Amino acid sequence: MIRIADGWKDFSVLATGDGYKLERWGNITLLRPDPQVIWKGQDLFSMDCDAVYRRSDKGGGAWEFRRPIPAEWTIGYQELRFKIKPMGFKHTGLFPEQAVNWERMGSLVSAAIARGRKPKILNLFAYTGGATVALAKAGAEVTHVDAAKGMVERAGENARLSGISSGIRYIVDDCKKFVLRELRRGNRYDGIVMDPPSYGRGPNGEMWKIETELFPFVKLCAELLSDDPLFFLINSYTTGLQPTVLNNLLTIALGGGGHTEAYEVGLPTGEGIPLPCGAGGICIYD
């Protein structure tokens, strides 16, 4: 099953082919590599766009600007607002396909609030805060944790752009160290969402490799759930982690007590085909 984020007005995938995707971000068009696009398509490099991220034979790459564009600009999704900026390694600061998860978690938070609760949510590897902003806008109290100070600062900018002035706690730290401290403090959360990288290092050189670290980390985080939790959600962009892997991981690590499901996430394209953008797994507690 694939869940398509088809509610965007300020973003669209115009065309795909030969390892690239042509996207519209507001009124700016960007051509970026995408490892999932292994099919042939139009000659995207001959099409009009504002900037291209060109891969380097030595690894990485760099932006080539075909015309002057702002250093950063804002796009919206429903009531949410996000800063977009062409950054290193092809990123823009936002993953639009995650809108399907924002809506799913937001509806669970809204339902809990309607029952008189004020859910506390933990967002780990939280990047620029797409999920943080969506959850806070739905009424949750959110703790946002990421090891990169610049990304946490950008999350704060996105929250302010979205009209959110309170309800978010920002933490710059290694996620595992933070979780261990929260356990010692006795803090608990009604929902946990994480977007773990395939590979990375914490601020003090801590190593992370998703194949070996994710399962024990999820088990550790499960101890942070409250007695009446709402959900536990994992996003994954690692090609080898199929939805069934996430489903199995959540089922075993969380030990039951909720309904677990997993799925691909994706975006609609100008060709009328879905662009796969990774996988999601969620355990929802009744």
C-alpha atoms as a PDB file:
ATOM      1  CA  MET A   1       0.000   0.000   0.000  1.00  0.00           C
ATOM      2  CA  ILE A   2       1.236   3.496  -0.802  1.00  0.00           C
ATOM      3  CA  ARG A   3      -0.101   6.669   0.804  1.00  0.00           C
ATOM      4  CA  ILE A   4       0.096   9.641  -1.558  1.00  0.00           C
ATOM      5  CA  ALA A   5       0.511  13.202  -0.288  1.00  0.00           C
ATOM      6  CA  ASP A   6      -1.817  14.733  -2.868  1.00  0.00           C
ATOM      7  CA  GLY A   7      -3.088  17.721  -0.878  1.00  0.00           C
ATOM      8  CA  TRP A   8      -0.331  20.174  -1.812  1.00  0.00           C
ATOM      9  CA  LYS A   9      -1.014  23.420  -3.671  1.00  0.00           C
ATOM     10  CA  ASP A  10       2.389  25.090  -3.229  1.00  0.00           C
ATOM     11  CA  PHE A  11       4.393  22.008  -4.257  1.00  0.00           C
ATOM     12  CA  SER A  12       4.292  19.508  -7.114  1.00  0.00           C
ATOM     13  CA  VAL A  13       6.477  16.998  -8.931  1.00  0.00           C
ATOM     14  CA  LEU A  14       6.279  18.142 -12.538  1.00  0.00           C
ATOM     15  CA  ALA A  15       8.243  15.346 -14.221  1.00  0.00           C
ATOM     16  CA  THR A  16      10.612  12.456 -13.481  1.00  0.00           C
ATOM     17  CA  GLY A  17      13.193  10.409 -15.341  1.00  0.00           C
ATOM     18  CA  ASP A  18      16.800   9.229 -15.567  1.00  0.00           C
ATOM     19  CA  GLY A  19      17.522   9.624 -11.864  1.00  0.00           C
ATOM     20  CA  TYR A  20      16.034  13.125 -11.472  1.00  0.00           C
ATOM     21  CA  LYS A  21      12.790  14.867 -10.530  1.00  0.00           C
ATOM     22  CA  LEU A  22      11.628  18.332 -11.574  1.00  0.00           C
ATOM     23  CA  GLU A  23       9.752  20.014  -8.728  1.00  0.00           C
ATOM     24  CA  ARG A  24       7.822  23.227  -8.180  1.00  0.00           C
ATOM     25  CA  TRP A  25       8.308  24.802  -4.764  1.00  0.00           C
ATOM     26  CA  GLY A  26       5.972  27.788  -4.758  1.00  0.00           C
ATOM     27  CA  ASN A  27       7.030  29.706  -7.871  1.00  0.00           C
ATOM     28  CA  ILE A  28      10.561  28.228  -7.929  1.00  0.00           C
ATOM     29  CA  THR A  29      11.410  25.108  -9.952  1.00  0.00           C
ATOM     30  CA  LEU A  30      14.252  22.813  -8.891  1.00  0.00           C
ATOM     31  CA  LEU A  31      15.773  19.786 -10.611  1.00  0.00           C
ATOM     32  CA  ARG A  32      17.148  17.304  -8.078  1.00  0.00           C
ATOM     33  CA  PRO A  33      18.498  13.726  -8.126  1.00  0.00           C
ATOM     34  CA  ASP A  34      16.262  10.938  -6.857  1.00  0.00           C
ATOM     35  CA  PRO A  35      17.663   7.399  -6.499  1.00  0.00           C
ATOM     36  CA  GLN A  36      14.200   5.858  -6.885  1.00  0.00           C
ATOM     37  CA  VAL A  37      13.768   7.266 -10.406  1.00  0.00           C
ATOM     38  CA  ILE A  38      15.424   4.504 -12.433  1.00  0.00           C
ATOM     39  CA  TRP A  39      13.050   4.787 -15.394  1.00  0.00           C
ATOM     40  CA  LYS A  40      13.497   6.750 -18.599  1.00  0.00           C
ATOM     41  CA  GLY A  41      11.582   9.980 -19.026  1.00  0.00           C
ATOM     42  CA  GLN A  42      11.702  13.369 -20.650  1.00  0.00           C
ATOM     43  CA  ASP A  43      15.025  15.167 -21.024  1.00  0.00           C
ATOM     44  CA  LEU A  44      14.635  17.092 -17.787  1.00  0.00           C
ATOM     45  CA  PHE A  45      17.889  19.015 -18.239  1.00  0.00           C
ATOM     46  CA  SER A  46      16.481  20.648 -21.361  1.00  0.00           C
ATOM     47  CA  MET A  47      13.363  21.815 -19.502  1.00  0.00           C
ATOM     48  CA  ASP A  48      13.072  25.241 -17.918  1.00  0.00           C
ATOM     49  CA  CYS A  49      13.965  25.399 -14.225  1.00  0.00           C
ATOM     50  CA  ASP A  50      15.573  27.814 -11.786  1.00  0.00           C
ATOM     51  CA  ALA A  51      18.269  25.592 -10.314  1.00  0.00           C
ATOM     52  CA  VAL A  52      19.797  22.133 -10.764  1.00  0.00           C
ATOM     53  CA  TYR A  53      21.627  20.006  -8.230  1.00  0.00           C
ATOM     54  CA  ARG A  54      24.372  18.272 -10.198  1.00  0.00           C
ATOM     55  CA  ARG A  55      26.017  15.178  -8.843  1.00  0.00           C
ATOM     56  CA  SER A  56      29.801  14.992  -8.670  1.00  0.00           C
ATOM     57  CA  ASP A  57      31.789  11.921  -9.761  1.00  0.00           C
ATOM     58  CA  LYS A  58      33.726  12.318  -6.503  1.00  0.00           C
ATOM     59  CA  GLY A  59      30.551  12.179  -4.392  1.00  0.00           C
ATOM     60  CA  GLY A  60      28.067  14.805  -3.313  1.00  0.00           C
ATOM     61  CA  GLY A  61      27.447  17.630  -5.725  1.00  0.00           C
ATOM     62  CA  ALA A  62      26.547  21.308  -5.966  1.00  0.00           C
ATOM     63  CA  TRP A  63      23.720  23.597  -6.989  1.00  0.00           C
ATOM     64  CA  GLU A  64      23.835  25.271 -10.399  1.00  0.00           C
ATOM     65  CA  PHE A  65      21.594  28.339 -10.524  1.00  0.00           C
ATOM     66  CA  ARG A  66      20.228  29.093 -13.970  1.00  0.00           C
ATOM     67  CA  ARG A  67      18.663  32.368 -12.853  1.00  0.00           C
ATOM     68  CA  PRO A  68      18.733  34.393  -9.631  1.00  0.00           C
ATOM     69  CA  ILE A  69      16.399  33.071  -6.938  1.00  0.00           C
ATOM     70  CA  PRO A  70      15.891  34.038  -3.277  1.00  0.00           C
ATOM     71  CA  ALA A  71      18.254  32.456  -0.763  1.00  0.00           C
ATOM     72  CA  GLU A  72      15.106  31.089   0.908  1.00  0.00           C
ATOM     73  CA  TRP A  73      11.359  31.419   0.516  1.00  0.00           C
ATOM     74  CA  THR A  74       8.129  30.183   2.124  1.00  0.00           C
ATOM     75  CA  ILE A  75       5.531  27.656   0.998  1.00  0.00           C
ATOM     76  CA  GLY A  76       2.381  26.513   2.740  1.00  0.00           C
ATOM     77  CA  TYR A  77       0.442  23.327   3.396  1.00  0.00           C
ATOM     78  CA  GLN A  78      -3.033  24.046   4.736  1.00  0.00           C
ATOM     79  CA  GLU A  79      -2.371  26.209   7.847  1.00  0.00           C
ATOM     80  CA  LEU A  80       1.328  25.302   8.027  1.00  0.00           C
ATOM     81  CA  ARG A  81       4.197  27.386   6.646  1.00  0.00           C
ATOM     82  CA  PHE A  82       7.747  26.251   5.887  1.00  0.00           C
ATOM     83  CA  LYS A  83      11.007  27.881   4.861  1.00  0.00           C
ATOM     84  CA  ILE A  84      12.546  26.380   1.731  1.00  0.00           C
ATOM     85  CA  LYS A  85      16.246  26.739   0.962  1.00  0.00           C
ATOM     86  CA  PRO A  86      18.505  24.872  -1.492  1.00  0.00           C
ATOM     87  CA  MET A  87      21.020  23.344   0.917  1.00  0.00           C
ATOM     88  CA  GLY A  88      23.987  21.023   0.703  1.00  0.00           C
ATOM     89  CA  PHE A  89      23.511  17.477  -0.584  1.00  0.00           C
ATOM     90  CA  LYS A  90      20.404  18.430  -2.606  1.00  0.00           C
ATOM     91  CA  HIS A  91      18.098  19.071   0.374  1.00  0.00           C
ATOM     92  CA  THR A  92      15.544  21.890   0.632  1.00  0.00           C
ATOM     93  CA  GLY A  93      14.623  21.602   4.315  1.00  0.00           C
ATOM     94  CA  LEU A  94      11.293  19.831   3.803  1.00  0.00           C
ATOM     95  CA  PHE A  95       9.978  16.407   2.772  1.00  0.00           C
ATOM     96  CA  PRO A  96       6.511  17.059   1.246  1.00  0.00           C
ATOM     97  CA  GLU A  97       5.495  13.392   1.192  1.00  0.00           C
ATOM     98  CA  GLN A  98       5.400  13.483   4.993  1.00  0.00           C
ATOM     99  CA  ALA A  99       2.127  15.400   4.816  1.00  0.00           C
ATOM    100  CA  VAL A 100       0.342  12.030   4.922  1.00  0.00           C
ATOM    101  CA  ASN A 101       1.888  11.355   8.330  1.00  0.00           C
ATOM    102  CA  TRP A 102       1.291  14.905   9.572  1.00  0.00           C
ATOM    103  CA  GLU A 103      -2.414  14.456   8.896  1.00  0.00           C
ATOM    104  CA  ARG A 104      -2.550  10.980  10.439  1.00  0.00           C
ATOM    105  CA  MET A 105      -0.856  12.041  13.669  1.00  0.00           C
ATOM    106  CA  GLY A 106      -2.722  15.336  13.767  1.00  0.00           C
ATOM    107  CA  SER A 107      -6.082  13.551  13.642  1.00  0.00           C
ATOM    108  CA  LEU A 108      -5.064  11.294  16.553  1.00  0.00           C
ATOM    109  CA  VAL A 109      -3.989  14.326  18.581  1.00  0.00           C
ATOM    110  CA  SER A 110      -7.191  16.220  17.752  1.00  0.00           C
ATOM    111  CA  ALA A 111      -9.320  13.239  18.808  1.00  0.00           C
ATOM    112  CA  ALA A 112      -7.433  13.020  22.111  1.00  0.00           C
ATOM    113  CA  ILE A 113      -7.958  16.728  22.753  1.00  0.00           C
ATOM    114  CA  ALA A 114     -11.673  16.290  22.063  1.00  0.00           C
ATOM    115  CA  ARG A 115     -11.662  13.692  24.863  1.00  0.00           C
ATOM    116  CA  GLY A 116     -10.124  16.229  27.246  1.00  0.00           C
ATOM    117  CA  ARG A 117      -6.461  15.292  26.959  1.00  0.00           C
ATOM    118  CA  LYS A 118      -3.408  17.439  26.168  1.00  0.00           C
ATOM    119  CA  PRO A 119      -1.074  14.976  24.431  1.00  0.00           C
ATOM    120  CA  LYS A 120       2.693  15.157  24.929  1.00  0.00           C
ATOM    121  CA  ILE A 121       4.592  14.103  21.800  1.00  0.00           C
ATOM    122  CA  LEU A 122       8.306  13.384  21.321  1.00  0.00           C
ATOM    123  CA  ASN A 123       9.815  14.015  17.858  1.00  0.00           C
ATOM    124  CA  LEU A 124      13.262  12.419  17.461  1.00  0.00           C
ATOM    125  CA  PHE A 125      15.719  13.113  14.610  1.00  0.00           C
ATOM    126  CA  ALA A 126      13.259  15.943  14.072  1.00  0.00           C
ATOM    127  CA  TYR A 127      15.174  17.887  11.366  1.00  0.00           C
ATOM    128  CA  THR A 128      13.402  21.155  10.432  1.00  0.00           C
ATOM    129  CA  GLY A 129      10.222  20.258  12.240  1.00  0.00           C
ATOM    130  CA  GLY A 130       7.569  19.355   9.686  1.00  0.00           C
ATOM    131  CA  ALA A 131       5.973  16.882  12.102  1.00  0.00           C
ATOM    132  CA  THR A 132       6.658  19.160  15.074  1.00  0.00           C
ATOM    133  CA  VAL A 133       4.797  22.060  13.497  1.00  0.00           C
ATOM    134  CA  ALA A 134       1.884  19.873  12.374  1.00  0.00           C
ATOM    135  CA  LEU A 135       1.499  18.280  15.819  1.00  0.00           C
ATOM    136  CA  ALA A 136       1.787  21.585  17.671  1.00  0.00           C
ATOM    137  CA  LYS A 137      -0.780  23.126  15.325  1.00  0.00           C
ATOM    138  CA  ALA A 138      -3.113  20.232  16.173  1.00  0.00           C
ATOM    139  CA  GLY A 139      -2.758  21.159  19.846  1.00  0.00           C
ATOM    140  CA  ALA A 140      -0.070  18.812  21.197  1.00  0.00           C
ATOM    141  CA  GLU A 141       2.843  19.725  23.443  1.00  0.00           C
ATOM    142  CA  VAL A 142       5.888  18.714  21.403  1.00  0.00           C
ATOM    143  CA  THR A 143       9.490  18.024  22.381  1.00  0.00           C
ATOM    144  CA  HIS A 144      11.668  18.445  19.287  1.00  0.00           C
ATOM    145  CA  VAL A 145      15.099  16.748  19.388  1.00  0.00           C
ATOM    146  CA  ASP A 146      17.864  16.875  16.772  1.00  0.00           C
ATOM    147  CA  ALA A 147      21.657  16.892  16.993  1.00  0.00           C
ATOM    148  CA  ALA A 148      22.032  19.677  14.389  1.00  0.00           C
ATOM    149  CA  LYS A 149      21.631  23.134  15.920  1.00  0.00           C
ATOM    150  CA  GLY A 150      20.942  24.786  12.556  1.00  0.00           C
ATOM    151  CA  MET A 151      18.061  22.420  11.794  1.00  0.00           C
ATOM    152  CA  VAL A 152      16.523  22.991  15.233  1.00  0.00           C
ATOM    153  CA  GLU A 153      16.725  26.739  14.679  1.00  0.00           C
ATOM    154  CA  ARG A 154      14.966  26.323  11.330  1.00  0.00           C
ATOM    155  CA  ALA A 155      12.248  24.278  13.045  1.00  0.00           C
ATOM    156  CA  GLY A 156      11.656  27.268  15.312  1.00  0.00           C
ATOM    157  CA  GLU A 157      11.358  29.515  12.254  1.00  0.00           C
ATOM    158  CA  ASN A 158       8.800  27.162  10.701  1.00  0.00           C
ATOM    159  CA  ALA A 159       6.774  27.151  13.914  1.00  0.00           C
ATOM    160  CA  ARG A 160       6.724  30.950  14.082  1.00  0.00           C
ATOM    161  CA  LEU A 161       5.750  31.178  10.409  1.00  0.00           C
ATOM    162  CA  SER A 162       2.855  28.831  11.202  1.00  0.00           C
ATOM    163  CA  GLY A 163       1.648  31.076  14.029  1.00  0.00           C
ATOM    164  CA  ILE A 164       2.909  28.822  16.836  1.00  0.00           C
ATOM    165  CA  SER A 165       4.493  30.727  19.720  1.00  0.00           C
ATOM    166  CA  SER A 166       4.330  28.137  22.505  1.00  0.00           C
ATOM    167  CA  GLY A 167       3.935  24.414  23.116  1.00  0.00           C
ATOM    168  CA  ILE A 168       7.256  23.312  21.591  1.00  0.00           C
ATOM    169  CA  ARG A 169      10.405  22.436  23.536  1.00  0.00           C
ATOM    170  CA  TYR A 170      13.531  22.492  21.340  1.00  0.00           C
ATOM    171  CA  ILE A 171      16.481  20.252  22.255  1.00  0.00           C
ATOM    172  CA  VAL A 172      19.860  20.106  20.485  1.00  0.00           C
ATOM    173  CA  ASP A 173      21.271  16.730  21.511  1.00  0.00           C
ATOM    174  CA  ASP A 174      22.060  13.179  20.514  1.00  0.00           C
ATOM    175  CA  CYS A 175      18.667  11.428  20.467  1.00  0.00           C
ATOM    176  CA  LYS A 176      19.761   8.314  22.361  1.00  0.00           C
ATOM    177  CA  LYS A 177      21.385  10.333  25.132  1.00  0.00           C
ATOM    178  CA  PHE A 178      18.251  12.453  25.429  1.00  0.00           C
ATOM    179  CA  VAL A 179      15.991   9.386  25.673  1.00  0.00           C
ATOM    180  CA  LEU A 180      18.168   7.882  28.413  1.00  0.00           C
ATOM    181  CA  ARG A 181      17.974  11.127  30.403  1.00  0.00           C
ATOM    182  CA  GLU A 182      14.201  11.288  30.023  1.00  0.00           C
ATOM    183  CA  LEU A 183      13.900   7.733  31.319  1.00  0.00           C
ATOM    184  CA  ARG A 184      15.981   8.599  34.372  1.00  0.00           C
ATOM    185  CA  ARG A 185      13.807  11.681  34.967  1.00  0.00           C
ATOM    186  CA  GLY A 186      10.631   9.637  34.727  1.00  0.00           C
ATOM    187  CA  ASN A 187       9.204  11.684  31.846  1.00  0.00           C
ATOM    188  CA  ARG A 188       6.657   9.987  29.601  1.00  0.00           C
ATOM    189  CA  TYR A 189       5.032  10.784  26.244  1.00  0.00           C
ATOM    190  CA  ASP A 190       1.679   9.990  24.664  1.00  0.00           C
ATOM    191  CA  GLY A 191       3.183   9.708  21.202  1.00  0.00           C
ATOM    192  CA  ILE A 192       6.604   9.240  19.629  1.00  0.00           C
ATOM    193  CA  VAL A 193       7.634   9.961  16.047  1.00  0.00           C
ATOM    194  CA  MET A 194      11.135   9.424  14.679  1.00  0.00           C
ATOM    195  CA  ASP A 195      12.843   9.949  11.344  1.00  0.00           C
ATOM    196  CA  PRO A 196      16.143   8.088  11.839  1.00  0.00           C
ATOM    197  CA  PRO A 197      18.995   8.551   9.367  1.00  0.00           C
ATOM    198  CA  SER A 198      20.587   5.613   7.597  1.00  0.00           C
ATOM    199  CA  TYR A 199      23.964   6.597   8.983  1.00  0.00           C
ATOM    200  CA  GLY A 200      25.173   9.440  11.106  1.00  0.00           C
ATOM    201  CA  ARG A 201      27.204  10.812  13.966  1.00  0.00           C
ATOM    202  CA  GLY A 202      26.040  12.680  17.034  1.00  0.00           C
ATOM    203  CA  PRO A 203      27.560  15.986  18.202  1.00  0.00           C
ATOM    204  CA  ASN A 204      30.294  14.120  20.117  1.00  0.00           C
ATOM    205  CA  GLY A 205      31.015  11.506  17.461  1.00  0.00           C
ATOM    206  CA  GLU A 206      28.320   9.011  18.480  1.00  0.00           C
ATOM    207  CA  MET A 207      27.850   6.434  15.713  1.00  0.00           C
ATOM    208  CA  TRP A 208      24.475   5.534  14.222  1.00  0.00           C
ATOM    209  CA  LYS A 209      23.841   2.775  11.659  1.00  0.00           C
ATOM    210  CA  ILE A 210      20.157   2.104  11.133  1.00  0.00           C
ATOM    211  CA  GLU A 211      20.423  -1.651  10.513  1.00  0.00           C
ATOM    212  CA  THR A 212      21.992  -2.295  13.907  1.00  0.00           C
ATOM    213  CA  GLU A 213      20.766   0.618  16.004  1.00  0.00           C
ATOM    214  CA  LEU A 214      17.091   1.066  15.130  1.00  0.00           C
ATOM    215  CA  PHE A 215      15.549  -1.989  16.812  1.00  0.00           C
ATOM    216  CA  PRO A 216      17.202  -1.529  20.231  1.00  0.00           C
ATOM    217  CA  PHE A 217      16.506   2.207  20.048  1.00  0.00           C
ATOM    218  CA  VAL A 218      12.796   1.651  19.383  1.00  0.00           C
ATOM    219  CA  LYS A 219      12.661  -0.780  22.332  1.00  0.00           C
ATOM    220  CA  LEU A 220      14.314   1.865  24.491  1.00  0.00           C
ATOM    221  CA  CYS A 221      11.906   4.570  23.335  1.00  0.00           C
ATOM    222  CA  ALA A 222       8.929   2.304  24.041  1.00  0.00           C
ATOM    223  CA  GLU A 223       9.749   2.703  27.738  1.00  0.00           C
ATOM    224  CA  LEU A 224       8.958   6.412  27.356  1.00  0.00           C
ATOM    225  CA  LEU A 225       5.354   5.801  26.339  1.00  0.00           C
ATOM    226  CA  SER A 226       2.661   6.815  28.804  1.00  0.00           C
ATOM    227  CA  ASP A 227       0.169   4.359  30.268  1.00  0.00           C
ATOM    228  CA  ASP A 228      -2.404   5.469  27.665  1.00  0.00           C
ATOM    229  CA  PRO A 229      -0.392   6.223  24.505  1.00  0.00           C
ATOM    230  CA  LEU A 230      -1.720   7.377  21.153  1.00  0.00           C
ATOM    231  CA  PHE A 231       0.873   6.273  18.600  1.00  0.00           C
ATOM    232  CA  PHE A 232       4.449   5.367  17.757  1.00  0.00           C
ATOM    233  CA  LEU A 233       5.527   6.282  14.201  1.00  0.00           C
ATOM    234  CA  ILE A 234       8.753   5.596  12.304  1.00  0.00           C
ATOM    235  CA  ASN A 235       9.720   7.179   8.975  1.00  0.00           C
ATOM    236  CA  SER A 236      12.422   5.566   6.863  1.00  0.00           C
ATOM    237  CA  TYR A 237      14.166   6.670   3.685  1.00  0.00           C
ATOM    238  CA  THR A 238      16.596   3.732   3.728  1.00  0.00           C
ATOM    239  CA  THR A 239      15.996   1.758   0.524  1.00  0.00           C
ATOM    240  CA  GLY A 240      16.476  -1.641   2.165  1.00  0.00           C
ATOM    241  CA  LEU A 241      13.883  -1.089   4.895  1.00  0.00           C
ATOM    242  CA  GLN A 242      10.638  -2.116   3.287  1.00  0.00           C
ATOM    243  CA  PRO A 243       7.267  -1.438   4.984  1.00  0.00           C
ATOM    244  CA  THR A 244       7.047  -5.029   6.225  1.00  0.00           C
ATOM    245  CA  VAL A 245      10.398  -4.577   7.990  1.00  0.00           C
ATOM    246  CA  LEU A 246       8.994  -1.576   9.870  1.00  0.00           C
ATOM    247  CA  ASN A 247       5.793  -3.464  10.643  1.00  0.00           C
ATOM    248  CA  ASN A 248       7.750  -6.390  12.082  1.00  0.00           C
ATOM    249  CA  LEU A 249      10.074  -4.094  14.013  1.00  0.00           C
ATOM    250  CA  LEU A 250       7.211  -2.211  15.664  1.00  0.00           C
ATOM    251  CA  THR A 251       5.266  -5.390  16.411  1.00  0.00           C
ATOM    252  CA  ILE A 252       8.215  -7.032  18.164  1.00  0.00           C
ATOM    253  CA  ALA A 253       9.806  -3.988  19.799  1.00  0.00           C
ATOM    254  CA  LEU A 254       6.554  -2.586  21.217  1.00  0.00           C
ATOM    255  CA  GLY A 255       5.295  -5.963  22.393  1.00  0.00           C
ATOM    256  CA  GLY A 256       1.686  -5.568  21.297  1.00  0.00           C
ATOM    257  CA  GLY A 257      -1.057  -3.428  22.766  1.00  0.00           C
ATOM    258  CA  GLY A 258      -1.812  -1.520  19.601  1.00  0.00           C
ATOM    259  CA  HIS A 259      -2.640  -1.893  15.926  1.00  0.00           C
ATOM    260  CA  THR A 260       0.469  -1.817  13.733  1.00  0.00           C
ATOM    261  CA  GLU A 261       0.556  -1.036  10.025  1.00  0.00           C
ATOM    262  CA  ALA A 262       3.193  -0.007   7.510  1.00  0.00           C
ATOM    263  CA  TYR A 263       3.106   1.497   4.042  1.00  0.00           C
ATOM    264  CA  GLU A 264       5.046   3.343   1.373  1.00  0.00           C
ATOM    265  CA  VAL A 265       4.736   7.114   1.211  1.00  0.00           C
ATOM    266  CA  GLY A 266       4.830   8.945  -2.079  1.00  0.00           C
ATOM    267  CA  LEU A 267       3.965  11.950  -4.208  1.00  0.00           C
ATOM    268  CA  PRO A 268       1.852  12.371  -7.355  1.00  0.00           C
ATOM    269  CA  THR A 269       3.745  13.308 -10.518  1.00  0.00           C
ATOM    270  CA  GLY A 270       3.045  15.067 -13.780  1.00  0.00           C
ATOM    271  CA  GLU A 271       3.187  11.712 -15.572  1.00  0.00           C
ATOM    272  CA  GLY A 272       0.304  10.401 -13.490  1.00  0.00           C
ATOM    273  CA  ILE A 273       2.459   7.847 -11.659  1.00  0.00           C
ATOM    274  CA  PRO A 274       3.343   7.831  -7.951  1.00  0.00           C
ATOM    275  CA  LEU A 275       6.879   8.725  -6.911  1.00  0.00           C
ATOM    276  CA  PRO A 276       7.910   6.453  -3.995  1.00  0.00           C
ATOM    277  CA  CYS A 277       9.582   8.416  -1.195  1.00  0.00           C
ATOM    278  CA  GLY A 278      10.285   5.880   1.523  1.00  0.00           C
ATOM    279  CA  ALA A 279       8.254   3.975   4.069  1.00  0.00           C
ATOM    280  CA  GLY A 280       6.307   4.616   7.237  1.00  0.00           C
ATOM    281  CA  GLY A 281       5.263   2.364  10.082  1.00  0.00           C
ATOM    282  CA  ILE A 282       2.835   3.278  12.842  1.00  0.00           C
ATOM    283  CA  CYS A 283       1.423   1.596  15.914  1.00  0.00           C
ATOM    284  CA  ILE A 284      -1.904   3.128  16.929  1.00  0.00           C
ATOM    285  CA  TYR A 285      -3.253   2.456  20.397  1.00  0.00           C
ATOM    286  CA  ASP A 286      -7.009   2.197  20.845  1.00  0.00           C
END
